[in-house]
Amino acid sequence: MRKPKPYDYTDPRPPSRSQNKRDSAALQVLGGKLAELPESALKKLDLLPRLMEAIIEYKALGKHEAKRRQLQFIGALMRETDAAPLALAVEDIESGNRGQAREFHAVEAWRTALLAGDESGLEGLVALAPEDEQVEVRSKIRMLARNARAEAEKNKPPRSSRTLFRLLRELRQSGQLAPEGDAGAEELDADALDADAQDADMLEADAPETDPLDEHDEEGAEAVDEPQAKDGASRKTSF
């Protein structure tokens, strides 16, 4: 079987219909990600005013069908903007969110082990503290874990458990080390990638036959004169 030729990016011919469809689906996905960002993050991006208004309107909608149509309109507006820097900005934001989630899962794994009486990783935690503070840190971790277990047994507010979490988070941030059992972060990243793929499939399947941007702008436009259309259709080409 003959191998396909590599794509020539200098080819002056327009992209194929399938390539246009893939590009449109990618813009739909990116537009959907922008629509889910908080307004505080959107204001930091260089969005076209019309695109910003469409996203704000999307957030205000309640019905699923209305939001779906508005999301298609946002995807159409994405064709008018430079999508590359927006894609990088969204990627940075998502990376930061995943980093925060990994941070939480790592610290939670440490705290769960300590509250269960497992001190197998205690010395590794203590080693993250400055050398002159390690004795105090070891004692404080054990005390907070002991108090947290007592609070849980007596159904008291988990003050010691929260304090222990903050202490462990400070140790992790100072050492920038993750425990061996930090599998939750890997699962989180895989789930995020699967969700992106599912979004792309759903948006491509829902892609309208007509251009949402044209439909939005030309609403209320007059139709073509029917007799004139019939006359044009009845003409035959002579050879």
C-alpha atoms as a PDB file:
ATOM      1  CA  MET A   1       0.000   0.000   0.000  1.00  0.00           C
ATOM      2  CA  ARG A   2       1.325   3.416  -0.968  1.00  0.00           C
ATOM      3  CA  LYS A   3       2.262   5.629   1.969  1.00  0.00           C
ATOM      4  CA  PRO A   4       0.555   9.032   2.129  1.00  0.00           C
ATOM      5  CA  LYS A   5       2.737  12.000   1.307  1.00  0.00           C
ATOM      6  CA  PRO A   6       3.678  14.287   4.204  1.00  0.00           C
ATOM      7  CA  TYR A   7       1.594  17.423   4.399  1.00  0.00           C
ATOM      8  CA  ASP A   8       3.223  20.402   2.702  1.00  0.00           C
ATOM      9  CA  TYR A   9       2.592  23.468   4.848  1.00  0.00           C
ATOM     10  CA  THR A  10       3.717  25.732   1.987  1.00  0.00           C
ATOM     11  CA  ASP A  11       1.025  24.330  -0.294  1.00  0.00           C
ATOM     12  CA  PRO A  12      -1.043  27.346  -1.481  1.00  0.00           C
ATOM     13  CA  ARG A  13      -4.125  25.184  -1.905  1.00  0.00           C
ATOM     14  CA  PRO A  14      -6.831  25.642   0.756  1.00  0.00           C
ATOM     15  CA  PRO A  15      -7.119  23.019   3.521  1.00  0.00           C
ATOM     16  CA  SER A  16      -9.361  20.040   2.923  1.00  0.00           C
ATOM     17  CA  ARG A  17     -12.926  19.821   4.182  1.00  0.00           C
ATOM     18  CA  SER A  18     -11.926  17.251   6.807  1.00  0.00           C
ATOM     19  CA  GLN A  19      -9.122  19.525   8.029  1.00  0.00           C
ATOM     20  CA  ASN A  20     -11.555  22.425   8.320  1.00  0.00           C
ATOM     21  CA  LYS A  21     -13.864  20.179  10.342  1.00  0.00           C
ATOM     22  CA  ARG A  22     -11.032  19.208  12.703  1.00  0.00           C
ATOM     23  CA  ASP A  23     -10.003  22.834  13.112  1.00  0.00           C
ATOM     24  CA  SER A  24     -13.602  23.826  13.838  1.00  0.00           C
ATOM     25  CA  ALA A  25     -13.945  21.068  16.458  1.00  0.00           C
ATOM     26  CA  ALA A  26     -10.707  22.194  18.131  1.00  0.00           C
ATOM     27  CA  LEU A  27     -11.981  25.780  18.301  1.00  0.00           C
ATOM     28  CA  GLN A  28     -15.256  24.522  19.790  1.00  0.00           C
ATOM     29  CA  VAL A  29     -13.349  22.683  22.529  1.00  0.00           C
ATOM     30  CA  LEU A  30     -11.182  25.726  23.263  1.00  0.00           C
ATOM     31  CA  GLY A  31     -14.260  27.965  23.340  1.00  0.00           C
ATOM     32  CA  GLY A  32     -15.906  25.559  25.794  1.00  0.00           C
ATOM     33  CA  LYS A  33     -12.871  25.686  28.073  1.00  0.00           C
ATOM     34  CA  LEU A  34     -12.899  29.489  27.994  1.00  0.00           C
ATOM     35  CA  ALA A  35     -16.612  29.478  28.840  1.00  0.00           C
ATOM     36  CA  GLU A  36     -15.935  27.444  31.992  1.00  0.00           C
ATOM     37  CA  LEU A  37     -13.247  29.792  33.321  1.00  0.00           C
ATOM     38  CA  PRO A  38     -14.212  32.260  36.068  1.00  0.00           C
ATOM     39  CA  GLU A  39     -14.663  35.870  34.996  1.00  0.00           C
ATOM     40  CA  SER A  40     -11.606  36.874  37.031  1.00  0.00           C
ATOM     41  CA  ALA A  41      -9.459  34.648  34.791  1.00  0.00           C
ATOM     42  CA  LEU A  42     -11.213  35.761  31.598  1.00  0.00           C
ATOM     43  CA  LYS A  43     -10.463  39.423  32.334  1.00  0.00           C
ATOM     44  CA  LYS A  44      -6.741  38.624  32.274  1.00  0.00           C
ATOM     45  CA  LEU A  45      -7.019  37.280  28.706  1.00  0.00           C
ATOM     46  CA  ASP A  46      -7.035  39.449  25.605  1.00  0.00           C
ATOM     47  CA  LEU A  47     -10.508  38.450  24.426  1.00  0.00           C
ATOM     48  CA  LEU A  48     -12.471  40.211  21.734  1.00  0.00           C
ATOM     49  CA  PRO A  49     -15.334  42.188  23.334  1.00  0.00           C
ATOM     50  CA  ARG A  50     -17.897  40.218  21.329  1.00  0.00           C
ATOM     51  CA  LEU A  51     -16.417  36.914  22.505  1.00  0.00           C
ATOM     52  CA  MET A  52     -16.324  38.092  26.119  1.00  0.00           C
ATOM     53  CA  GLU A  53     -19.993  39.116  25.937  1.00  0.00           C
ATOM     54  CA  ALA A  54     -20.948  35.743  24.461  1.00  0.00           C
ATOM     55  CA  ILE A  55     -19.165  33.875  27.267  1.00  0.00           C
ATOM     56  CA  ILE A  56     -20.811  36.010  29.960  1.00  0.00           C
ATOM     57  CA  GLU A  57     -24.191  35.376  28.330  1.00  0.00           C
ATOM     58  CA  TYR A  58     -23.419  31.627  28.287  1.00  0.00           C
ATOM     59  CA  LYS A  59     -22.752  31.664  32.034  1.00  0.00           C
ATOM     60  CA  ALA A  60     -26.124  33.323  32.653  1.00  0.00           C
ATOM     61  CA  LEU A  61     -28.106  30.691  30.732  1.00  0.00           C
ATOM     62  CA  GLY A  62     -29.820  27.909  32.640  1.00  0.00           C
ATOM     63  CA  LYS A  63     -31.334  25.564  30.053  1.00  0.00           C
ATOM     64  CA  HIS A  64     -29.086  22.893  28.553  1.00  0.00           C
ATOM     65  CA  GLU A  65     -30.260  23.424  24.975  1.00  0.00           C
ATOM     66  CA  ALA A  66     -29.777  27.194  25.176  1.00  0.00           C
ATOM     67  CA  LYS A  67     -26.277  26.739  26.566  1.00  0.00           C
ATOM     68  CA  ARG A  68     -25.441  24.240  23.828  1.00  0.00           C
ATOM     69  CA  ARG A  69     -26.470  26.671  21.095  1.00  0.00           C
ATOM     70  CA  GLN A  70     -24.600  29.522  22.767  1.00  0.00           C
ATOM     71  CA  LEU A  71     -21.511  27.314  23.006  1.00  0.00           C
ATOM     72  CA  GLN A  72     -21.697  26.704  19.259  1.00  0.00           C
ATOM     73  CA  PHE A  73     -21.881  30.467  18.742  1.00  0.00           C
ATOM     74  CA  ILE A  74     -18.795  30.918  20.944  1.00  0.00           C
ATOM     75  CA  GLY A  75     -16.978  28.336  18.819  1.00  0.00           C
ATOM     76  CA  ALA A  76     -17.905  30.288  15.696  1.00  0.00           C
ATOM     77  CA  LEU A  77     -16.603  33.520  17.234  1.00  0.00           C
ATOM     78  CA  MET A  78     -13.314  31.764  17.970  1.00  0.00           C
ATOM     79  CA  ARG A  79     -12.587  31.864  14.221  1.00  0.00           C
ATOM     80  CA  GLU A  80     -12.269  35.642  14.457  1.00  0.00           C
ATOM     81  CA  THR A  81      -9.577  35.599  17.129  1.00  0.00           C
ATOM     82  CA  ASP A  82      -5.989  34.388  17.412  1.00  0.00           C
ATOM     83  CA  ALA A  83      -6.578  31.058  19.128  1.00  0.00           C
ATOM     84  CA  ALA A  84      -2.924  30.082  19.697  1.00  0.00           C
ATOM     85  CA  PRO A  85      -2.172  32.398  22.670  1.00  0.00           C
ATOM     86  CA  LEU A  86      -5.574  31.631  24.187  1.00  0.00           C
ATOM     87  CA  ALA A  87      -4.855  27.896  23.987  1.00  0.00           C
ATOM     88  CA  LEU A  88      -1.528  28.421  25.776  1.00  0.00           C
ATOM     89  CA  ALA A  89      -3.205  30.541  28.460  1.00  0.00           C
ATOM     90  CA  VAL A  90      -5.887  27.905  29.068  1.00  0.00           C
ATOM     91  CA  GLU A  91      -3.214  25.199  29.236  1.00  0.00           C
ATOM     92  CA  ASP A  92      -1.310  27.195  31.864  1.00  0.00           C
ATOM     93  CA  ILE A  93      -4.480  27.650  33.932  1.00  0.00           C
ATOM     94  CA  GLU A  94      -5.357  23.947  33.709  1.00  0.00           C
ATOM     95  CA  SER A  95      -1.797  22.964  34.630  1.00  0.00           C
ATOM     96  CA  GLY A  96      -2.029  25.179  37.701  1.00  0.00           C
ATOM     97  CA  ASN A  97      -5.338  23.600  38.700  1.00  0.00           C
ATOM     98  CA  ARG A  98      -3.937  20.091  38.285  1.00  0.00           C
ATOM     99  CA  GLY A  99      -0.893  21.110  40.310  1.00  0.00           C
ATOM    100  CA  GLN A 100      -3.137  22.285  43.147  1.00  0.00           C
ATOM    101  CA  ALA A 101      -5.073  19.012  42.988  1.00  0.00           C
ATOM    102  CA  ARG A 102      -1.840  17.002  43.158  1.00  0.00           C
ATOM    103  CA  GLU A 103      -0.785  19.104  46.136  1.00  0.00           C
ATOM    104  CA  PHE A 104      -4.031  18.338  47.939  1.00  0.00           C
ATOM    105  CA  HIS A 105      -3.926  14.587  47.215  1.00  0.00           C
ATOM    106  CA  ALA A 106      -0.304  14.293  48.351  1.00  0.00           C
ATOM    107  CA  VAL A 107      -0.866  16.103  51.640  1.00  0.00           C
ATOM    108  CA  GLU A 108      -4.120  14.236  52.243  1.00  0.00           C
ATOM    109  CA  ALA A 109      -2.296  10.915  51.731  1.00  0.00           C
ATOM    110  CA  TRP A 110       0.255  11.881  54.376  1.00  0.00           C
ATOM    111  CA  ARG A 111      -2.413  12.985  56.848  1.00  0.00           C
ATOM    112  CA  THR A 112      -4.546   9.859  56.298  1.00  0.00           C
ATOM    113  CA  ALA A 113      -1.556   7.626  57.017  1.00  0.00           C
ATOM    114  CA  LEU A 114      -0.639   9.514  60.188  1.00  0.00           C
ATOM    115  CA  LEU A 115      -4.214   9.488  61.497  1.00  0.00           C
ATOM    116  CA  ALA A 116      -4.269   5.719  60.937  1.00  0.00           C
ATOM    117  CA  GLY A 117      -1.161   5.407  63.115  1.00  0.00           C
ATOM    118  CA  ASP A 118       1.194   4.719  60.190  1.00  0.00           C
ATOM    119  CA  GLU A 119       4.495   6.511  60.866  1.00  0.00           C
ATOM    120  CA  SER A 120       6.487   4.745  58.143  1.00  0.00           C
ATOM    121  CA  GLY A 121       6.865   8.035  56.258  1.00  0.00           C
ATOM    122  CA  LEU A 122       7.338  10.250  59.303  1.00  0.00           C
ATOM    123  CA  GLU A 123      11.117  10.583  59.055  1.00  0.00           C
ATOM    124  CA  GLY A 124      10.845  11.551  55.405  1.00  0.00           C
ATOM    125  CA  LEU A 125       8.419  14.311  56.361  1.00  0.00           C
ATOM    126  CA  VAL A 126      10.597  15.531  59.210  1.00  0.00           C
ATOM    127  CA  ALA A 127      13.598  15.659  56.856  1.00  0.00           C
ATOM    128  CA  LEU A 128      11.803  18.337  54.817  1.00  0.00           C
ATOM    129  CA  ALA A 129      12.054  20.763  57.752  1.00  0.00           C
ATOM    130  CA  PRO A 130      15.211  22.767  58.549  1.00  0.00           C
ATOM    131  CA  GLU A 131      17.664  20.659  60.542  1.00  0.00           C
ATOM    132  CA  ASP A 132      17.410  22.780  63.681  1.00  0.00           C
ATOM    133  CA  GLU A 133      13.580  22.420  63.682  1.00  0.00           C
ATOM    134  CA  GLN A 134      13.255  18.697  62.978  1.00  0.00           C
ATOM    135  CA  VAL A 135      12.917  17.567  66.605  1.00  0.00           C
ATOM    136  CA  GLU A 136      10.143  20.095  67.206  1.00  0.00           C
ATOM    137  CA  VAL A 137       8.393  19.218  63.923  1.00  0.00           C
ATOM    138  CA  ARG A 138       8.447  15.475  64.701  1.00  0.00           C
ATOM    139  CA  SER A 139       6.945  16.093  68.135  1.00  0.00           C
ATOM    140  CA  LYS A 140       4.304  18.452  66.740  1.00  0.00           C
ATOM    141  CA  ILE A 141       3.218  16.003  64.015  1.00  0.00           C
ATOM    142  CA  ARG A 142       2.782  13.201  66.541  1.00  0.00           C
ATOM    143  CA  MET A 143       0.891  15.451  68.956  1.00  0.00           C
ATOM    144  CA  LEU A 144      -1.489  16.740  66.253  1.00  0.00           C
ATOM    145  CA  ALA A 145      -2.147  13.225  64.941  1.00  0.00           C
ATOM    146  CA  ARG A 146      -2.868  11.979  68.461  1.00  0.00           C
ATOM    147  CA  ASN A 147      -5.197  14.913  69.199  1.00  0.00           C
ATOM    148  CA  ALA A 148      -6.957  14.495  65.838  1.00  0.00           C
ATOM    149  CA  ARG A 149      -7.717  10.842  66.589  1.00  0.00           C
ATOM    150  CA  ALA A 150      -9.106  11.820  69.994  1.00  0.00           C
ATOM    151  CA  GLU A 151     -11.294  14.525  68.436  1.00  0.00           C
ATOM    152  CA  ALA A 152     -12.673  12.040  65.913  1.00  0.00           C
ATOM    153  CA  GLU A 153     -13.512   9.518  68.626  1.00  0.00           C
ATOM    154  CA  LYS A 154     -15.412  12.176  70.612  1.00  0.00           C
ATOM    155  CA  ASN A 155     -17.109  13.680  67.507  1.00  0.00           C
ATOM    156  CA  LYS A 156     -15.471  17.045  68.148  1.00  0.00           C
ATOM    157  CA  PRO A 157     -14.607  19.611  65.433  1.00  0.00           C
ATOM    158  CA  PRO A 158     -11.436  18.456  63.606  1.00  0.00           C
ATOM    159  CA  ARG A 159      -9.251  21.395  64.624  1.00  0.00           C
ATOM    160  CA  SER A 160      -6.108  19.317  65.116  1.00  0.00           C
ATOM    161  CA  SER A 161      -6.668  17.508  61.829  1.00  0.00           C
ATOM    162  CA  ARG A 162      -6.846  20.832  59.985  1.00  0.00           C
ATOM    163  CA  THR A 163      -3.743  22.122  61.737  1.00  0.00           C
ATOM    164  CA  LEU A 164      -1.930  18.915  60.806  1.00  0.00           C
ATOM    165  CA  PHE A 165      -2.946  19.357  57.164  1.00  0.00           C
ATOM    166  CA  ARG A 166      -1.568  22.910  57.097  1.00  0.00           C
ATOM    167  CA  LEU A 167       1.694  21.785  58.688  1.00  0.00           C
ATOM    168  CA  LEU A 168       2.129  18.941  56.189  1.00  0.00           C
ATOM    169  CA  ARG A 169       1.360  21.278  53.300  1.00  0.00           C
ATOM    170  CA  GLU A 170       4.027  23.712  54.492  1.00  0.00           C
ATOM    171  CA  LEU A 171       6.532  20.855  54.708  1.00  0.00           C
ATOM    172  CA  ARG A 172       5.684  19.692  51.181  1.00  0.00           C
ATOM    173  CA  GLN A 173       5.994  23.199  49.758  1.00  0.00           C
ATOM    174  CA  SER A 174       9.360  23.668  51.413  1.00  0.00           C
ATOM    175  CA  GLY A 175      10.665  20.298  50.173  1.00  0.00           C
ATOM    176  CA  GLN A 176       8.702  19.969  46.877  1.00  0.00           C
ATOM    177  CA  LEU A 177       8.615  16.180  47.282  1.00  0.00           C
ATOM    178  CA  ALA A 178       5.665  13.862  46.669  1.00  0.00           C
ATOM    179  CA  PRO A 179       5.004  10.590  48.528  1.00  0.00           C
ATOM    180  CA  GLU A 180       5.366   7.277  46.723  1.00  0.00           C
ATOM    181  CA  GLY A 181       1.631   6.620  46.906  1.00  0.00           C
ATOM    182  CA  ASP A 182       0.645   9.780  44.994  1.00  0.00           C
ATOM    183  CA  ALA A 183      -1.406   7.786  42.499  1.00  0.00           C
ATOM    184  CA  GLY A 184      -4.412  10.072  42.786  1.00  0.00           C
ATOM    185  CA  ALA A 185      -2.633  12.793  40.813  1.00  0.00           C
ATOM    186  CA  GLU A 186      -1.905  10.451  37.903  1.00  0.00           C
ATOM    187  CA  GLU A 187      -5.545   9.344  37.845  1.00  0.00           C
ATOM    188  CA  LEU A 188      -6.634  12.978  37.924  1.00  0.00           C
ATOM    189  CA  ASP A 189      -4.495  13.852  34.886  1.00  0.00           C
ATOM    190  CA  ALA A 190      -5.832  10.818  32.995  1.00  0.00           C
ATOM    191  CA  ASP A 191      -9.409  11.803  33.826  1.00  0.00           C
ATOM    192  CA  ALA A 192      -8.751  15.344  32.604  1.00  0.00           C
ATOM    193  CA  LEU A 193      -7.369  14.077  29.287  1.00  0.00           C
ATOM    194  CA  ASP A 194     -10.324  11.689  28.856  1.00  0.00           C
ATOM    195  CA  ALA A 195     -12.739  14.537  29.578  1.00  0.00           C
ATOM    196  CA  ASP A 196     -11.092  16.708  26.908  1.00  0.00           C
ATOM    197  CA  ALA A 197     -11.372  13.886  24.367  1.00  0.00           C
ATOM    198  CA  GLN A 198     -15.033  13.310  25.233  1.00  0.00           C
ATOM    199  CA  ASP A 199     -15.719  17.056  24.894  1.00  0.00           C
ATOM    200  CA  ALA A 200     -14.176  17.038  21.417  1.00  0.00           C
ATOM    201  CA  ASP A 201     -16.286  14.056  20.319  1.00  0.00           C
ATOM    202  CA  MET A 202     -19.494  15.559  21.700  1.00  0.00           C
ATOM    203  CA  LEU A 203     -18.883  18.949  20.121  1.00  0.00           C
ATOM    204  CA  GLU A 204     -18.035  17.418  16.744  1.00  0.00           C
ATOM    205  CA  ALA A 205     -21.192  15.291  16.866  1.00  0.00           C
ATOM    206  CA  ASP A 206     -23.291  18.334  17.774  1.00  0.00           C
ATOM    207  CA  ALA A 207     -21.724  20.534  15.075  1.00  0.00           C
ATOM    208  CA  PRO A 208     -24.543  22.258  13.180  1.00  0.00           C
ATOM    209  CA  GLU A 209     -24.980  21.994   9.420  1.00  0.00           C
ATOM    210  CA  THR A 210     -25.224  25.804   9.195  1.00  0.00           C
ATOM    211  CA  ASP A 211     -22.724  28.294  10.522  1.00  0.00           C
ATOM    212  CA  PRO A 212     -23.870  29.475  14.009  1.00  0.00           C
ATOM    213  CA  LEU A 213     -22.142  32.803  13.399  1.00  0.00           C
ATOM    214  CA  ASP A 214     -24.071  33.412  10.170  1.00  0.00           C
ATOM    215  CA  GLU A 215     -27.316  32.257  11.798  1.00  0.00           C
ATOM    216  CA  HIS A 216     -26.741  34.614  14.742  1.00  0.00           C
ATOM    217  CA  ASP A 217     -25.859  37.637  12.566  1.00  0.00           C
ATOM    218  CA  GLU A 218     -28.434  37.123   9.797  1.00  0.00           C
ATOM    219  CA  GLU A 219     -31.444  36.504  12.010  1.00  0.00           C
ATOM    220  CA  GLY A 220     -34.428  38.280  10.502  1.00  0.00           C
ATOM    221  CA  ALA A 221     -32.804  38.716   7.038  1.00  0.00           C
ATOM    222  CA  GLU A 222     -35.133  38.592   4.043  1.00  0.00           C
ATOM    223  CA  ALA A 223     -35.386  35.344   2.088  1.00  0.00           C
ATOM    224  CA  VAL A 224     -34.436  35.108  -1.619  1.00  0.00           C
ATOM    225  CA  ASP A 225     -37.322  35.896  -3.987  1.00  0.00           C
ATOM    226  CA  GLU A 226     -38.963  32.531  -4.731  1.00  0.00           C
ATOM    227  CA  PRO A 227     -39.938  33.180  -8.402  1.00  0.00           C
ATOM    228  CA  GLN A 228     -36.427  34.407  -9.139  1.00  0.00           C
ATOM    229  CA  ALA A 229     -34.939  31.281  -7.579  1.00  0.00           C
ATOM    230  CA  LYS A 230     -37.231  29.063  -9.649  1.00  0.00           C
ATOM    231  CA  ASP A 231     -36.232  30.850 -12.868  1.00  0.00           C
ATOM    232  CA  GLY A 232     -32.570  30.323 -12.071  1.00  0.00           C
ATOM    233  CA  ALA A 233     -33.146  26.636 -11.312  1.00  0.00           C
ATOM    234  CA  SER A 234     -35.010  26.069 -14.587  1.00  0.00           C
ATOM    235  CA  ARG A 235     -32.180  27.327 -16.771  1.00  0.00           C
ATOM    236  CA  LYS A 236     -30.118  24.691 -18.569  1.00  0.00           C
ATOM    237  CA  THR A 237     -26.478  24.943 -19.493  1.00  0.00           C
ATOM    238  CA  SER A 238     -25.799  24.606 -23.215  1.00  0.00           C
ATOM    239  CA  PHE A 239     -22.614  22.975 -24.536  1.00  0.00           C
END
